[in-house]
């Protein structure tokens, strides 16, 4: 199982599924991250958290803990 947390800067991946509680999954989906969405990792902060992503044409920053709940391929 590969998660978004494992993807290196500059790479693009596709969301396979979301894990975690219903509340957290709903929050992630509200940000536009749903099954089949392509995500590009743009930057990771110097201390490793948060990570900046390109999702559906806009920039999004999420915490590493949330990125671990997003399974990708």
PDB file of N, CA and C in Angstrom:
ATOM      1  N   UNK A   1       0.853  -1.191   0.000  1.00  0.00           N
ATOM      2  CA  UNK A   1       0.000   0.000   0.000  1.00  0.00           C
ATOM      3  C   UNK A   1       0.888   1.241   0.000  1.00  0.00           C
ATOM      4  N   UNK A   2       0.758   2.045  -1.020  1.00  0.00           N
ATOM      5  CA  UNK A   2       1.490   3.303  -1.110  1.00  0.00           C
ATOM      6  C   UNK A   2       0.531   4.430  -0.750  1.00  0.00           C
ATOM      7  N   UNK A   3       0.998   5.355   0.076  1.00  0.00           N
ATOM      8  CA  UNK A   3       0.169   6.502   0.440  1.00  0.00           C
ATOM      9  C   UNK A   3       0.761   7.772  -0.156  1.00  0.00           C
ATOM     10  N   UNK A   4      -0.015   8.825  -0.149  1.00  0.00           N
ATOM     11  CA  UNK A   4       0.450  10.113  -0.668  1.00  0.00           C
ATOM     12  C   UNK A   4       1.691  10.581   0.073  1.00  0.00           C
ATOM     13  N   UNK A   5       1.817  10.208   1.322  1.00  0.00           N
ATOM     14  CA  UNK A   5       2.971  10.569   2.140  1.00  0.00           C
ATOM     15  C   UNK A   5       4.281  10.024   1.557  1.00  0.00           C
ATOM     16  N   UNK A   6       4.220   8.926   0.789  1.00  0.00           N
ATOM     17  CA  UNK A   6       5.408   8.272   0.232  1.00  0.00           C
ATOM     18  C   UNK A   6       5.870   8.867  -1.095  1.00  0.00           C
ATOM     19  N   UNK A   7       5.061   9.699  -1.724  1.00  0.00           N
ATOM     20  CA  UNK A   7       5.371  10.245  -3.052  1.00  0.00           C
ATOM     21  C   UNK A   7       6.383  11.387  -2.923  1.00  0.00           C
ATOM     22  N   UNK A   8       7.369  11.356  -3.793  1.00  0.00           N
ATOM     23  CA  UNK A   8       8.438  12.367  -3.772  1.00  0.00           C
ATOM     24  C   UNK A   8       8.034  13.612  -4.569  1.00  0.00           C
ATOM     25  N   UNK A   9       8.724  14.707  -4.298  1.00  0.00           N
ATOM     26  CA  UNK A   9       8.467  15.985  -4.965  1.00  0.00           C
ATOM     27  C   UNK A   9       8.643  15.832  -6.477  1.00  0.00           C
ATOM     28  N   UNK A  10       7.684  16.387  -7.223  1.00  0.00           N
ATOM     29  CA  UNK A  10       7.739  16.361  -8.677  1.00  0.00           C
ATOM     30  C   UNK A  10       6.991  15.208  -9.316  1.00  0.00           C
ATOM     31  N   UNK A  11       6.544  14.253  -8.528  1.00  0.00           N
ATOM     32  CA  UNK A  11       5.843  13.097  -9.076  1.00  0.00           C
ATOM     33  C   UNK A  11       4.334  13.276  -8.986  1.00  0.00           C
ATOM     34  N   UNK A  12       3.636  12.616  -9.903  1.00  0.00           N
ATOM     35  CA  UNK A  12       2.175  12.648  -9.947  1.00  0.00           C
ATOM     36  C   UNK A  12       1.659  11.247  -9.655  1.00  0.00           C
ATOM     37  N   UNK A  13       0.556  11.188  -8.937  1.00  0.00           N
ATOM     38  CA  UNK A  13      -0.056   9.903  -8.606  1.00  0.00           C
ATOM     39  C   UNK A  13      -1.569  10.028  -8.724  1.00  0.00           C
ATOM     40  N   UNK A  14      -2.262   8.887  -8.633  1.00  0.00           N
ATOM     41  CA  UNK A  14      -3.709   8.861  -8.727  1.00  0.00           C
ATOM     42  C   UNK A  14      -4.275   8.253  -7.448  1.00  0.00           C
ATOM     43  N   UNK A  15      -5.325   8.867  -6.918  1.00  0.00           N
ATOM     44  CA  UNK A  15      -5.944   8.398  -5.680  1.00  0.00           C
ATOM     45  C   UNK A  15      -6.682   7.087  -5.943  1.00  0.00           C
ATOM     46  N   UNK A  16      -6.409   6.084  -5.085  1.00  0.00           N
ATOM     47  CA  UNK A  16      -7.073   4.786  -5.177  1.00  0.00           C
ATOM     48  C   UNK A  16      -8.209   4.715  -4.168  1.00  0.00           C
ATOM     49  N   UNK A  17      -7.924   5.127  -2.921  1.00  0.00           N
ATOM     50  CA  UNK A  17      -8.974   5.149  -1.903  1.00  0.00           C
ATOM     51  C   UNK A  17      -8.548   5.976  -0.713  1.00  0.00           C
ATOM     52  N   UNK A  18      -9.536   6.383   0.080  1.00  0.00           N
ATOM     53  CA  UNK A  18      -9.307   7.152   1.295  1.00  0.00           C
ATOM     54  C   UNK A  18      -9.579   6.255   2.499  1.00  0.00           C
ATOM     55  N   UNK A  19      -8.740   6.360   3.523  1.00  0.00           N
ATOM     56  CA  UNK A  19      -8.948   5.593   4.741  1.00  0.00           C
ATOM     57  C   UNK A  19      -9.184   6.570   5.891  1.00  0.00           C
ATOM     58  N   UNK A  20      -9.436   6.047   7.068  1.00  0.00           N
ATOM     59  CA  UNK A  20      -9.643   6.905   8.232  1.00  0.00           C
ATOM     60  C   UNK A  20     -11.113   7.026   8.592  1.00  0.00           C
ATOM     61  N   UNK A  21     -11.387   7.863   9.575  1.00  0.00           N
ATOM     62  CA  UNK A  21     -12.760   8.042  10.055  1.00  0.00           C
ATOM     63  C   UNK A  21     -13.599   8.805   9.027  1.00  0.00           C
ATOM     64  N   UNK A  22     -14.900   8.710   9.170  1.00  0.00           N
ATOM     65  CA  UNK A  22     -15.828   9.379   8.244  1.00  0.00           C
ATOM     66  C   UNK A  22     -15.609  10.883   8.219  1.00  0.00           C
ATOM     67  N   UNK A  23     -15.341  11.475   9.372  1.00  0.00           N
ATOM     68  CA  UNK A  23     -15.154  12.929   9.460  1.00  0.00           C
ATOM     69  C   UNK A  23     -13.923  13.352   8.669  1.00  0.00           C
ATOM     70  N   UNK A  24     -12.835  12.626   8.823  1.00  0.00           N
ATOM     71  CA  UNK A  24     -11.594  12.974   8.124  1.00  0.00           C
ATOM     72  C   UNK A  24     -11.740  12.726   6.624  1.00  0.00           C
ATOM     73  N   UNK A  25     -12.374  11.611   6.248  1.00  0.00           N
ATOM     74  CA  UNK A  25     -12.582  11.334   4.819  1.00  0.00           C
ATOM     75  C   UNK A  25     -13.427  12.421   4.179  1.00  0.00           C
ATOM     76  N   UNK A  26     -14.449  12.877   4.859  1.00  0.00           N
ATOM     77  CA  UNK A  26     -15.321  13.939   4.332  1.00  0.00           C
ATOM     78  C   UNK A  26     -14.517  15.221   4.133  1.00  0.00           C
ATOM     79  N   UNK A  27     -13.660  15.566   5.096  1.00  0.00           N
ATOM     80  CA  UNK A  27     -12.850  16.778   4.979  1.00  0.00           C
ATOM     81  C   UNK A  27     -11.901  16.682   3.790  1.00  0.00           C
ATOM     82  N   UNK A  28     -11.280  15.522   3.600  1.00  0.00           N
ATOM     83  CA  UNK A  28     -10.363  15.329   2.471  1.00  0.00           C
ATOM     84  C   UNK A  28     -11.127  15.418   1.148  1.00  0.00           C
ATOM     85  N   UNK A  29     -12.299  14.805   1.084  1.00  0.00           N
ATOM     86  CA  UNK A  29     -13.100  14.871  -0.143  1.00  0.00           C
ATOM     87  C   UNK A  29     -13.574  16.293  -0.423  1.00  0.00           C
ATOM     88  N   UNK A  30     -13.872  17.059   0.609  1.00  0.00           N
ATOM     89  CA  UNK A  30     -14.277  18.459   0.429  1.00  0.00           C
ATOM     90  C   UNK A  30     -13.155  19.298  -0.170  1.00  0.00           C
ATOM     91  N   UNK A  31     -11.899  18.867   0.007  1.00  0.00           N
ATOM     92  CA  UNK A  31     -10.760  19.573  -0.581  1.00  0.00           C
ATOM     93  C   UNK A  31     -10.553  19.189  -2.039  1.00  0.00           C
ATOM     94  N   UNK A  32     -11.374  18.265  -2.563  1.00  0.00           N
ATOM     95  CA  UNK A  32     -11.273  17.878  -3.966  1.00  0.00           C
ATOM     96  C   UNK A  32     -10.492  16.609  -4.200  1.00  0.00           C
ATOM     97  N   UNK A  33     -10.073  15.939  -3.127  1.00  0.00           N
ATOM     98  CA  UNK A  33      -9.315  14.706  -3.264  1.00  0.00           C
ATOM     99  C   UNK A  33     -10.294  13.536  -3.171  1.00  0.00           C
ATOM    100  N   UNK A  34     -10.618  12.965  -4.336  1.00  0.00           N
ATOM    101  CA  UNK A  34     -11.539  11.836  -4.408  1.00  0.00           C
ATOM    102  C   UNK A  34     -10.894  10.732  -5.243  1.00  0.00           C
ATOM    103  N   UNK A  35     -11.503   9.565  -5.239  1.00  0.00           N
ATOM    104  CA  UNK A  35     -10.978   8.429  -5.996  1.00  0.00           C
ATOM    105  C   UNK A  35     -10.811   8.814  -7.467  1.00  0.00           C
ATOM    106  N   UNK A  36      -9.632   8.507  -8.020  1.00  0.00           N
ATOM    107  CA  UNK A  36      -9.351   8.795  -9.421  1.00  0.00           C
ATOM    108  C   UNK A  36      -8.703  10.146  -9.671  1.00  0.00           C
ATOM    109  N   UNK A  37      -8.639  10.999  -8.664  1.00  0.00           N
ATOM    110  CA  UNK A  37      -8.044  12.332  -8.814  1.00  0.00           C
ATOM    111  C   UNK A  37      -6.533  12.223  -8.948  1.00  0.00           C
ATOM    112  N   UNK A  38      -5.959  12.974  -9.883  1.00  0.00           N
ATOM    113  CA  UNK A  38      -4.504  13.026 -10.015  1.00  0.00           C
ATOM    114  C   UNK A  38      -3.957  14.127  -9.124  1.00  0.00           C
ATOM    115  N   UNK A  39      -2.872  13.805  -8.423  1.00  0.00           N
ATOM    116  CA  UNK A  39      -2.243  14.742  -7.491  1.00  0.00           C
ATOM    117  C   UNK A  39      -0.763  14.821  -7.814  1.00  0.00           C
ATOM    118  N   UNK A  40      -0.236  16.040  -7.903  1.00  0.00           N
ATOM    119  CA  UNK A  40       1.198  16.259  -8.087  1.00  0.00           C
ATOM    120  C   UNK A  40       1.761  16.866  -6.814  1.00  0.00           C
ATOM    121  N   UNK A  41       2.843  16.281  -6.310  1.00  0.00           N
ATOM    122  CA  UNK A  41       3.506  16.818  -5.119  1.00  0.00           C
ATOM    123  C   UNK A  41       4.449  17.913  -5.592  1.00  0.00           C
ATOM    124  N   UNK A  42       4.185  19.145  -5.173  1.00  0.00           N
ATOM    125  CA  UNK A  42       4.990  20.294  -5.605  1.00  0.00           C
ATOM    126  C   UNK A  42       6.141  20.594  -4.660  1.00  0.00           C
ATOM    127  N   UNK A  43       5.869  20.623  -3.378  1.00  0.00           N
ATOM    128  CA  UNK A  43       6.899  20.976  -2.393  1.00  0.00           C
ATOM    129  C   UNK A  43       6.603  20.261  -1.084  1.00  0.00           C
ATOM    130  N   UNK A  44       7.654  20.108  -0.302  1.00  0.00           N
ATOM    131  CA  UNK A  44       7.499  19.647   1.076  1.00  0.00           C
ATOM    132  C   UNK A  44       8.242  20.654   1.940  1.00  0.00           C
ATOM    133  N   UNK A  45       7.614  21.093   3.010  1.00  0.00           N
ATOM    134  CA  UNK A  45       8.212  22.101   3.892  1.00  0.00           C
ATOM    135  C   UNK A  45       9.560  21.605   4.423  1.00  0.00           C
ATOM    136  N   UNK A  46      10.461  22.528   4.776  1.00  0.00           N
ATOM    137  CA  UNK A  46      11.796  22.148   5.245  1.00  0.00           C
ATOM    138  C   UNK A  46      11.797  21.159   6.416  1.00  0.00           C
ATOM    139  N   UNK A  47      10.835  21.250   7.293  1.00  0.00           N
ATOM    140  CA  UNK A  47      10.778  20.313   8.416  1.00  0.00           C
ATOM    141  C   UNK A  47       9.896  19.103   8.105  1.00  0.00           C
ATOM    142  N   UNK A  48       9.450  18.989   6.849  1.00  0.00           N
ATOM    143  CA  UNK A  48       8.709  17.821   6.405  1.00  0.00           C
ATOM    144  C   UNK A  48       7.200  17.919   6.487  1.00  0.00           C
ATOM    145  N   UNK A  49       6.676  18.982   7.048  1.00  0.00           N
ATOM    146  CA  UNK A  49       5.223  19.092   7.203  1.00  0.00           C
ATOM    147  C   UNK A  49       4.832  20.548   7.118  1.00  0.00           C
ATOM    148  N   UNK A  50       3.895  20.978   6.319  1.00  0.00           N
ATOM    149  CA  UNK A  50       2.997  20.228   5.440  1.00  0.00           C
ATOM    150  C   UNK A  50       3.610  19.992   4.061  1.00  0.00           C
ATOM    151  N   UNK A  51       2.834  19.370   3.193  1.00  0.00           N
ATOM    152  CA  UNK A  51       3.240  19.192   1.805  1.00  0.00           C
ATOM    153  C   UNK A  51       2.296  19.994   0.911  1.00  0.00           C
ATOM    154  N   UNK A  52       2.864  20.560  -0.147  1.00  0.00           N
ATOM    155  CA  UNK A  52       2.061  21.355  -1.084  1.00  0.00           C
ATOM    156  C   UNK A  52       1.780  20.508  -2.317  1.00  0.00           C
ATOM    157  N   UNK A  53       0.508  20.451  -2.692  1.00  0.00           N
ATOM    158  CA  UNK A  53       0.058  19.613  -3.800  1.00  0.00           C
ATOM    159  C   UNK A  53      -0.635  20.447  -4.864  1.00  0.00           C
ATOM    160  N   UNK A  54      -0.690  19.915  -6.075  1.00  0.00           N
ATOM    161  CA  UNK A  54      -1.553  20.462  -7.112  1.00  0.00           C
ATOM    162  C   UNK A  54      -2.676  19.450  -7.314  1.00  0.00           C
ATOM    163  N   UNK A  55      -3.902  19.897  -7.051  1.00  0.00           N
ATOM    164  CA  UNK A  55      -5.088  19.044  -7.151  1.00  0.00           C
ATOM    165  C   UNK A  55      -6.135  19.785  -7.962  1.00  0.00           C
ATOM    166  N   UNK A  56      -6.580  19.201  -9.064  1.00  0.00           N
ATOM    167  CA  UNK A  56      -7.637  19.788  -9.889  1.00  0.00           C
ATOM    168  C   UNK A  56      -7.338  21.242 -10.293  1.00  0.00           C
ATOM    169  N   UNK A  57      -6.063  21.546 -10.532  1.00  0.00           N
ATOM    170  CA  UNK A  57      -5.684  22.865 -11.015  1.00  0.00           C
ATOM    171  C   UNK A  57      -5.449  23.918  -9.944  1.00  0.00           C
ATOM    172  N   UNK A  58      -5.517  23.573  -8.683  1.00  0.00           N
ATOM    173  CA  UNK A  58      -5.229  24.548  -7.638  1.00  0.00           C
ATOM    174  C   UNK A  58      -4.210  23.988  -6.648  1.00  0.00           C
ATOM    175  N   UNK A  59      -3.605  24.873  -5.884  1.00  0.00           N
ATOM    176  CA  UNK A  59      -2.580  24.500  -4.911  1.00  0.00           C
ATOM    177  C   UNK A  59      -3.235  24.205  -3.569  1.00  0.00           C
ATOM    178  N   UNK A  60      -2.793  23.133  -2.920  1.00  0.00           N
ATOM    179  CA  UNK A  60      -3.370  22.700  -1.659  1.00  0.00           C
ATOM    180  C   UNK A  60      -2.249  22.240  -0.744  1.00  0.00           C
ATOM    181  N   UNK A  61      -2.283  22.654   0.510  1.00  0.00           N
ATOM    182  CA  UNK A  61      -1.326  22.176   1.499  1.00  0.00           C
ATOM    183  C   UNK A  61      -2.046  21.285   2.494  1.00  0.00           C
ATOM    184  N   UNK A  62      -1.473  20.097   2.727  1.00  0.00           N
ATOM    185  CA  UNK A  62      -2.059  19.204   3.714  1.00  0.00           C
ATOM    186  C   UNK A  62      -0.972  18.671   4.646  1.00  0.00           C
ATOM    187  N   UNK A  63      -1.388  18.243   5.813  1.00  0.00           N
ATOM    188  CA  UNK A  63      -0.465  17.684   6.789  1.00  0.00           C
ATOM    189  C   UNK A  63      -0.085  16.263   6.381  1.00  0.00           C
ATOM    190  N   UNK A  64       1.098  15.847   6.818  1.00  0.00           N
ATOM    191  CA  UNK A  64       1.574  14.492   6.537  1.00  0.00           C
ATOM    192  C   UNK A  64       0.627  13.450   7.128  1.00  0.00           C
ATOM    193  N   UNK A  65       0.056  13.722   8.293  1.00  0.00           N
ATOM    194  CA  UNK A  65      -0.872  12.773   8.920  1.00  0.00           C
ATOM    195  C   UNK A  65      -2.087  12.527   8.026  1.00  0.00           C
ATOM    196  N   UNK A  66      -2.574  13.571   7.367  1.00  0.00           N
ATOM    197  CA  UNK A  66      -3.695  13.413   6.434  1.00  0.00           C
ATOM    198  C   UNK A  66      -3.241  12.700   5.161  1.00  0.00           C
ATOM    199  N   UNK A  67      -2.024  12.972   4.712  1.00  0.00           N
ATOM    200  CA  UNK A  67      -1.494  12.344   3.496  1.00  0.00           C
ATOM    201  C   UNK A  67      -1.359  10.828   3.669  1.00  0.00           C
ATOM    202  N   UNK A  68      -1.132  10.384   4.890  1.00  0.00           N
ATOM    203  CA  UNK A  68      -1.011   8.945   5.158  1.00  0.00           C
ATOM    204  C   UNK A  68      -2.347   8.218   4.994  1.00  0.00           C
ATOM    205  N   UNK A  69      -3.439   8.948   4.973  1.00  0.00           N
ATOM    206  CA  UNK A  69      -4.767   8.345   4.841  1.00  0.00           C
ATOM    207  C   UNK A  69      -5.225   8.234   3.387  1.00  0.00           C
ATOM    208  N   UNK A  70      -4.393   8.722   2.451  1.00  0.00           N
ATOM    209  CA  UNK A  70      -4.753   8.736   1.031  1.00  0.00           C
ATOM    210  C   UNK A  70      -3.903   7.690   0.310  1.00  0.00           C
ATOM    211  N   UNK A  71      -4.529   6.580  -0.114  1.00  0.00           N
ATOM    212  CA  UNK A  71      -3.831   5.539  -0.845  1.00  0.00           C
ATOM    213  C   UNK A  71      -3.768   5.913  -2.314  1.00  0.00           C
ATOM    214  N   UNK A  72      -2.569   5.761  -2.905  1.00  0.00           N
ATOM    215  CA  UNK A  72      -2.358   6.174  -4.296  1.00  0.00           C
ATOM    216  C   UNK A  72      -1.667   5.069  -5.080  1.00  0.00           C
ATOM    217  N   UNK A  73      -1.674   5.248  -6.402  1.00  0.00           N
ATOM    218  CA  UNK A  73      -0.914   4.343  -7.289  1.00  0.00           C
ATOM    219  C   UNK A  73      -0.071   5.150  -8.241  1.00  0.00           C
TER     220      UNK A  73
END
